[in-house]
Amino acid sequence: MAKPVTTTVSFPLANYPNGSRTSGSVSVADTDTSVEFSVQRCTSVDNTIWPNASTTLSVTVDQSNDGGATWQNVFGFTGIGGIIVDKHGAEVPRSFVSTSLNPGTSRLLRASATIAGGPLRTSGQFDVN
């Protein structure tokens, strides 16, 4: 069985300013079934990445099945900075969200992000597969 092709949209490590921004739309193959978002977090190994608990990042991903005339929310994520630990006490180096896409043809995705209390120093990516 062939491995599905993944479309990746990355954003490099940088200081991102406060404010809201929305990406352009990205075409989604008819065979794609999921979308994933991950963002780098603060750890004791690199405490320059998203170090302040007062810095927040809110992300939403929307899907259109009609060429962008209408949009439906697929998922949302809001996170705070600082070191986050999992239930075992281990530091979490990346926040990660994944969900299934709504079925359809000629689909589009777009993402919106809002940063407050920043700037936000991080990197991340969206994967559609």
C-alpha atoms as a PDB file:
ATOM      1  CA  MET A   1       0.000   0.000   0.000  1.00  0.00           C
ATOM      2  CA  ALA A   2       1.390   3.385  -1.002  1.00  0.00           C
ATOM      3  CA  LYS A   3       2.013   5.939   1.721  1.00  0.00           C
ATOM      4  CA  PRO A   4      -0.253   8.996   1.368  1.00  0.00           C
ATOM      5  CA  VAL A   5       1.353  12.237   0.248  1.00  0.00           C
ATOM      6  CA  THR A   6       1.498  14.894   2.959  1.00  0.00           C
ATOM      7  CA  THR A   7       1.184  18.609   2.230  1.00  0.00           C
ATOM      8  CA  THR A   8       3.194  20.562   4.791  1.00  0.00           C
ATOM      9  CA  VAL A   9       3.073  24.296   5.446  1.00  0.00           C
ATOM     10  CA  SER A  10       5.877  25.315   7.824  1.00  0.00           C
ATOM     11  CA  PHE A  11       6.587  28.555   9.583  1.00  0.00           C
ATOM     12  CA  PRO A  12      10.198  29.103  10.652  1.00  0.00           C
ATOM     13  CA  LEU A  13      11.558  29.930  14.095  1.00  0.00           C
ATOM     14  CA  ALA A  14      10.975  33.668  14.497  1.00  0.00           C
ATOM     15  CA  ASN A  15       9.522  36.312  16.793  1.00  0.00           C
ATOM     16  CA  TYR A  16       5.907  36.719  15.656  1.00  0.00           C
ATOM     17  CA  PRO A  17       4.211  40.011  16.660  1.00  0.00           C
ATOM     18  CA  ASN A  18       0.893  40.448  18.439  1.00  0.00           C
ATOM     19  CA  GLY A  19      -2.183  40.523  16.243  1.00  0.00           C
ATOM     20  CA  SER A  20      -4.368  38.375  14.049  1.00  0.00           C
ATOM     21  CA  ARG A  21      -3.583  36.957  10.638  1.00  0.00           C
ATOM     22  CA  THR A  22      -5.270  34.558   8.249  1.00  0.00           C
ATOM     23  CA  SER A  23      -3.461  32.430   5.681  1.00  0.00           C
ATOM     24  CA  GLY A  24      -4.426  32.124   2.089  1.00  0.00           C
ATOM     25  CA  SER A  25      -6.405  29.054   1.162  1.00  0.00           C
ATOM     26  CA  VAL A  26      -4.665  25.737   0.451  1.00  0.00           C
ATOM     27  CA  SER A  27      -6.135  23.111  -1.878  1.00  0.00           C
ATOM     28  CA  VAL A  28      -6.797  19.736  -0.284  1.00  0.00           C
ATOM     29  CA  ALA A  29      -6.621  16.511  -2.282  1.00  0.00           C
ATOM     30  CA  ASP A  30      -9.859  14.530  -2.451  1.00  0.00           C
ATOM     31  CA  THR A  31      -8.024  11.642  -0.748  1.00  0.00           C
ATOM     32  CA  ASP A  32      -6.750  13.689   2.229  1.00  0.00           C
ATOM     33  CA  THR A  33      -8.444  12.728   5.490  1.00  0.00           C
ATOM     34  CA  SER A  34      -6.762  14.712   8.283  1.00  0.00           C
ATOM     35  CA  VAL A  35      -5.065  17.951   9.247  1.00  0.00           C
ATOM     36  CA  GLU A  36      -2.471  18.369  12.002  1.00  0.00           C
ATOM     37  CA  PHE A  37      -0.971  21.456  13.630  1.00  0.00           C
ATOM     38  CA  SER A  38       2.090  21.571  15.855  1.00  0.00           C
ATOM     39  CA  VAL A  39       3.973  24.429  17.484  1.00  0.00           C
ATOM     40  CA  GLN A  40       7.284  24.473  19.345  1.00  0.00           C
ATOM     41  CA  ARG A  41       7.088  25.085  23.118  1.00  0.00           C
ATOM     42  CA  CYS A  42       9.347  26.262  25.906  1.00  0.00           C
ATOM     43  CA  THR A  43      11.536  23.641  27.603  1.00  0.00           C
ATOM     44  CA  SER A  44      14.448  23.800  30.030  1.00  0.00           C
ATOM     45  CA  VAL A  45      16.693  22.856  27.066  1.00  0.00           C
ATOM     46  CA  ASP A  46      15.635  26.020  25.150  1.00  0.00           C
ATOM     47  CA  ASN A  47      13.824  28.499  27.347  1.00  0.00           C
ATOM     48  CA  THR A  48      13.826  31.199  24.627  1.00  0.00           C
ATOM     49  CA  ILE A  49      10.919  29.496  22.827  1.00  0.00           C
ATOM     50  CA  TRP A  50       7.508  30.828  23.973  1.00  0.00           C
ATOM     51  CA  PRO A  51       8.741  31.376  27.565  1.00  0.00           C
ATOM     52  CA  ASN A  52       6.020  33.667  28.953  1.00  0.00           C
ATOM     53  CA  ALA A  53       2.786  32.219  30.345  1.00  0.00           C
ATOM     54  CA  SER A  54       1.154  35.566  29.517  1.00  0.00           C
ATOM     55  CA  THR A  55       1.766  35.012  25.784  1.00  0.00           C
ATOM     56  CA  THR A  56      -1.165  33.257  24.140  1.00  0.00           C
ATOM     57  CA  LEU A  57      -1.618  31.700  20.718  1.00  0.00           C
ATOM     58  CA  SER A  58      -5.067  30.903  19.331  1.00  0.00           C
ATOM     59  CA  VAL A  59      -5.310  29.004  16.045  1.00  0.00           C
ATOM     60  CA  THR A  60      -8.351  27.962  14.032  1.00  0.00           C
ATOM     61  CA  VAL A  61      -8.502  25.924  10.835  1.00  0.00           C
ATOM     62  CA  ASP A  62     -11.499  26.215   8.517  1.00  0.00           C
ATOM     63  CA  GLN A  63     -12.551  24.055   5.572  1.00  0.00           C
ATOM     64  CA  SER A  64     -14.524  24.983   2.458  1.00  0.00           C
ATOM     65  CA  ASN A  65     -16.204  22.472   0.164  1.00  0.00           C
ATOM     66  CA  ASP A  66     -17.458  25.120  -2.277  1.00  0.00           C
ATOM     67  CA  GLY A  67     -14.356  26.938  -3.499  1.00  0.00           C
ATOM     68  CA  GLY A  68     -14.215  29.356  -0.577  1.00  0.00           C
ATOM     69  CA  ALA A  69     -17.773  30.724  -0.714  1.00  0.00           C
ATOM     70  CA  THR A  70     -18.498  29.342   2.773  1.00  0.00           C
ATOM     71  CA  TRP A  71     -16.241  28.020   5.549  1.00  0.00           C
ATOM     72  CA  GLN A  72     -16.734  25.550   8.422  1.00  0.00           C
ATOM     73  CA  ASN A  73     -14.453  25.379  11.446  1.00  0.00           C
ATOM     74  CA  VAL A  74     -12.489  22.103  11.581  1.00  0.00           C
ATOM     75  CA  PHE A  75     -10.603  22.723  14.843  1.00  0.00           C
ATOM     76  CA  GLY A  76      -9.265  25.345  17.184  1.00  0.00           C
ATOM     77  CA  PHE A  77      -6.393  25.520  19.636  1.00  0.00           C
ATOM     78  CA  THR A  78      -5.494  28.041  22.336  1.00  0.00           C
ATOM     79  CA  GLY A  79      -2.282  27.741  24.303  1.00  0.00           C
ATOM     80  CA  ILE A  80      -0.269  29.682  26.834  1.00  0.00           C
ATOM     81  CA  GLY A  81       3.498  29.935  26.976  1.00  0.00           C
ATOM     82  CA  GLY A  82       5.933  28.657  29.529  1.00  0.00           C
ATOM     83  CA  ILE A  83       7.019  25.125  30.290  1.00  0.00           C
ATOM     84  CA  ILE A  84       4.144  22.635  30.145  1.00  0.00           C
ATOM     85  CA  VAL A  85       4.456  19.107  31.541  1.00  0.00           C
ATOM     86  CA  ASP A  86       2.468  15.997  30.635  1.00  0.00           C
ATOM     87  CA  LYS A  87       0.734  13.709  33.137  1.00  0.00           C
ATOM     88  CA  HIS A  88       4.043  11.921  33.761  1.00  0.00           C
ATOM     89  CA  GLY A  89       5.875  15.157  34.594  1.00  0.00           C
ATOM     90  CA  ALA A  90       7.863  15.272  31.330  1.00  0.00           C
ATOM     91  CA  GLU A  91       8.267  18.613  29.564  1.00  0.00           C
ATOM     92  CA  VAL A  92       6.221  18.933  26.367  1.00  0.00           C
ATOM     93  CA  PRO A  93       8.421  20.294  23.522  1.00  0.00           C
ATOM     94  CA  ARG A  94       5.524  20.734  21.039  1.00  0.00           C
ATOM     95  CA  SER A  95       1.800  21.315  21.257  1.00  0.00           C
ATOM     96  CA  PHE A  96      -0.012  19.137  18.750  1.00  0.00           C
ATOM     97  CA  VAL A  97      -3.605  19.042  17.479  1.00  0.00           C
ATOM     98  CA  SER A  98      -5.010  16.649  14.867  1.00  0.00           C
ATOM     99  CA  THR A  99      -8.492  16.105  13.454  1.00  0.00           C
ATOM    100  CA  SER A 100     -10.311  14.479  10.579  1.00  0.00           C
ATOM    101  CA  LEU A 101     -11.301  16.553   7.572  1.00  0.00           C
ATOM    102  CA  ASN A 102     -14.879  16.737   6.405  1.00  0.00           C
ATOM    103  CA  PRO A 103     -15.328  14.634   3.257  1.00  0.00           C
ATOM    104  CA  GLY A 104     -15.785  16.358  -0.074  1.00  0.00           C
ATOM    105  CA  THR A 105     -14.193  17.321  -3.359  1.00  0.00           C
ATOM    106  CA  SER A 106     -12.460  20.539  -4.405  1.00  0.00           C
ATOM    107  CA  ARG A 107     -11.809  21.320  -0.742  1.00  0.00           C
ATOM    108  CA  LEU A 108      -9.837  24.272   0.631  1.00  0.00           C
ATOM    109  CA  LEU A 109      -8.302  24.911   4.057  1.00  0.00           C
ATOM    110  CA  ARG A 110      -7.274  28.177   5.696  1.00  0.00           C
ATOM    111  CA  ALA A 111      -5.783  28.936   9.088  1.00  0.00           C
ATOM    112  CA  SER A 112      -6.111  31.948  11.361  1.00  0.00           C
ATOM    113  CA  ALA A 113      -3.816  32.793  14.265  1.00  0.00           C
ATOM    114  CA  THR A 114      -4.045  35.399  17.012  1.00  0.00           C
ATOM    115  CA  ILE A 115      -1.090  36.232  19.252  1.00  0.00           C
ATOM    116  CA  ALA A 116      -1.527  38.290  22.438  1.00  0.00           C
ATOM    117  CA  GLY A 117       0.985  39.225  25.119  1.00  0.00           C
ATOM    118  CA  GLY A 118       3.844  38.616  22.692  1.00  0.00           C
ATOM    119  CA  PRO A 119       5.851  38.664  20.643  1.00  0.00           C
ATOM    120  CA  LEU A 120       5.723  34.893  20.325  1.00  0.00           C
ATOM    121  CA  ARG A 121       9.012  33.149  19.527  1.00  0.00           C
ATOM    122  CA  THR A 122       8.242  29.743  18.028  1.00  0.00           C
ATOM    123  CA  SER A 123       8.146  27.593  14.913  1.00  0.00           C
ATOM    124  CA  GLY A 124       5.545  25.152  13.706  1.00  0.00           C
ATOM    125  CA  GLN A 125       3.745  23.464  10.875  1.00  0.00           C
ATOM    126  CA  PHE A 126       0.473  22.279   9.391  1.00  0.00           C
ATOM    127  CA  ASP A 127       0.318  18.844   7.773  1.00  0.00           C
ATOM    128  CA  VAL A 128      -2.552  17.731   5.555  1.00  0.00           C
ATOM    129  CA  ASN A 129      -2.657  14.036   4.673  1.00  0.00           C
END
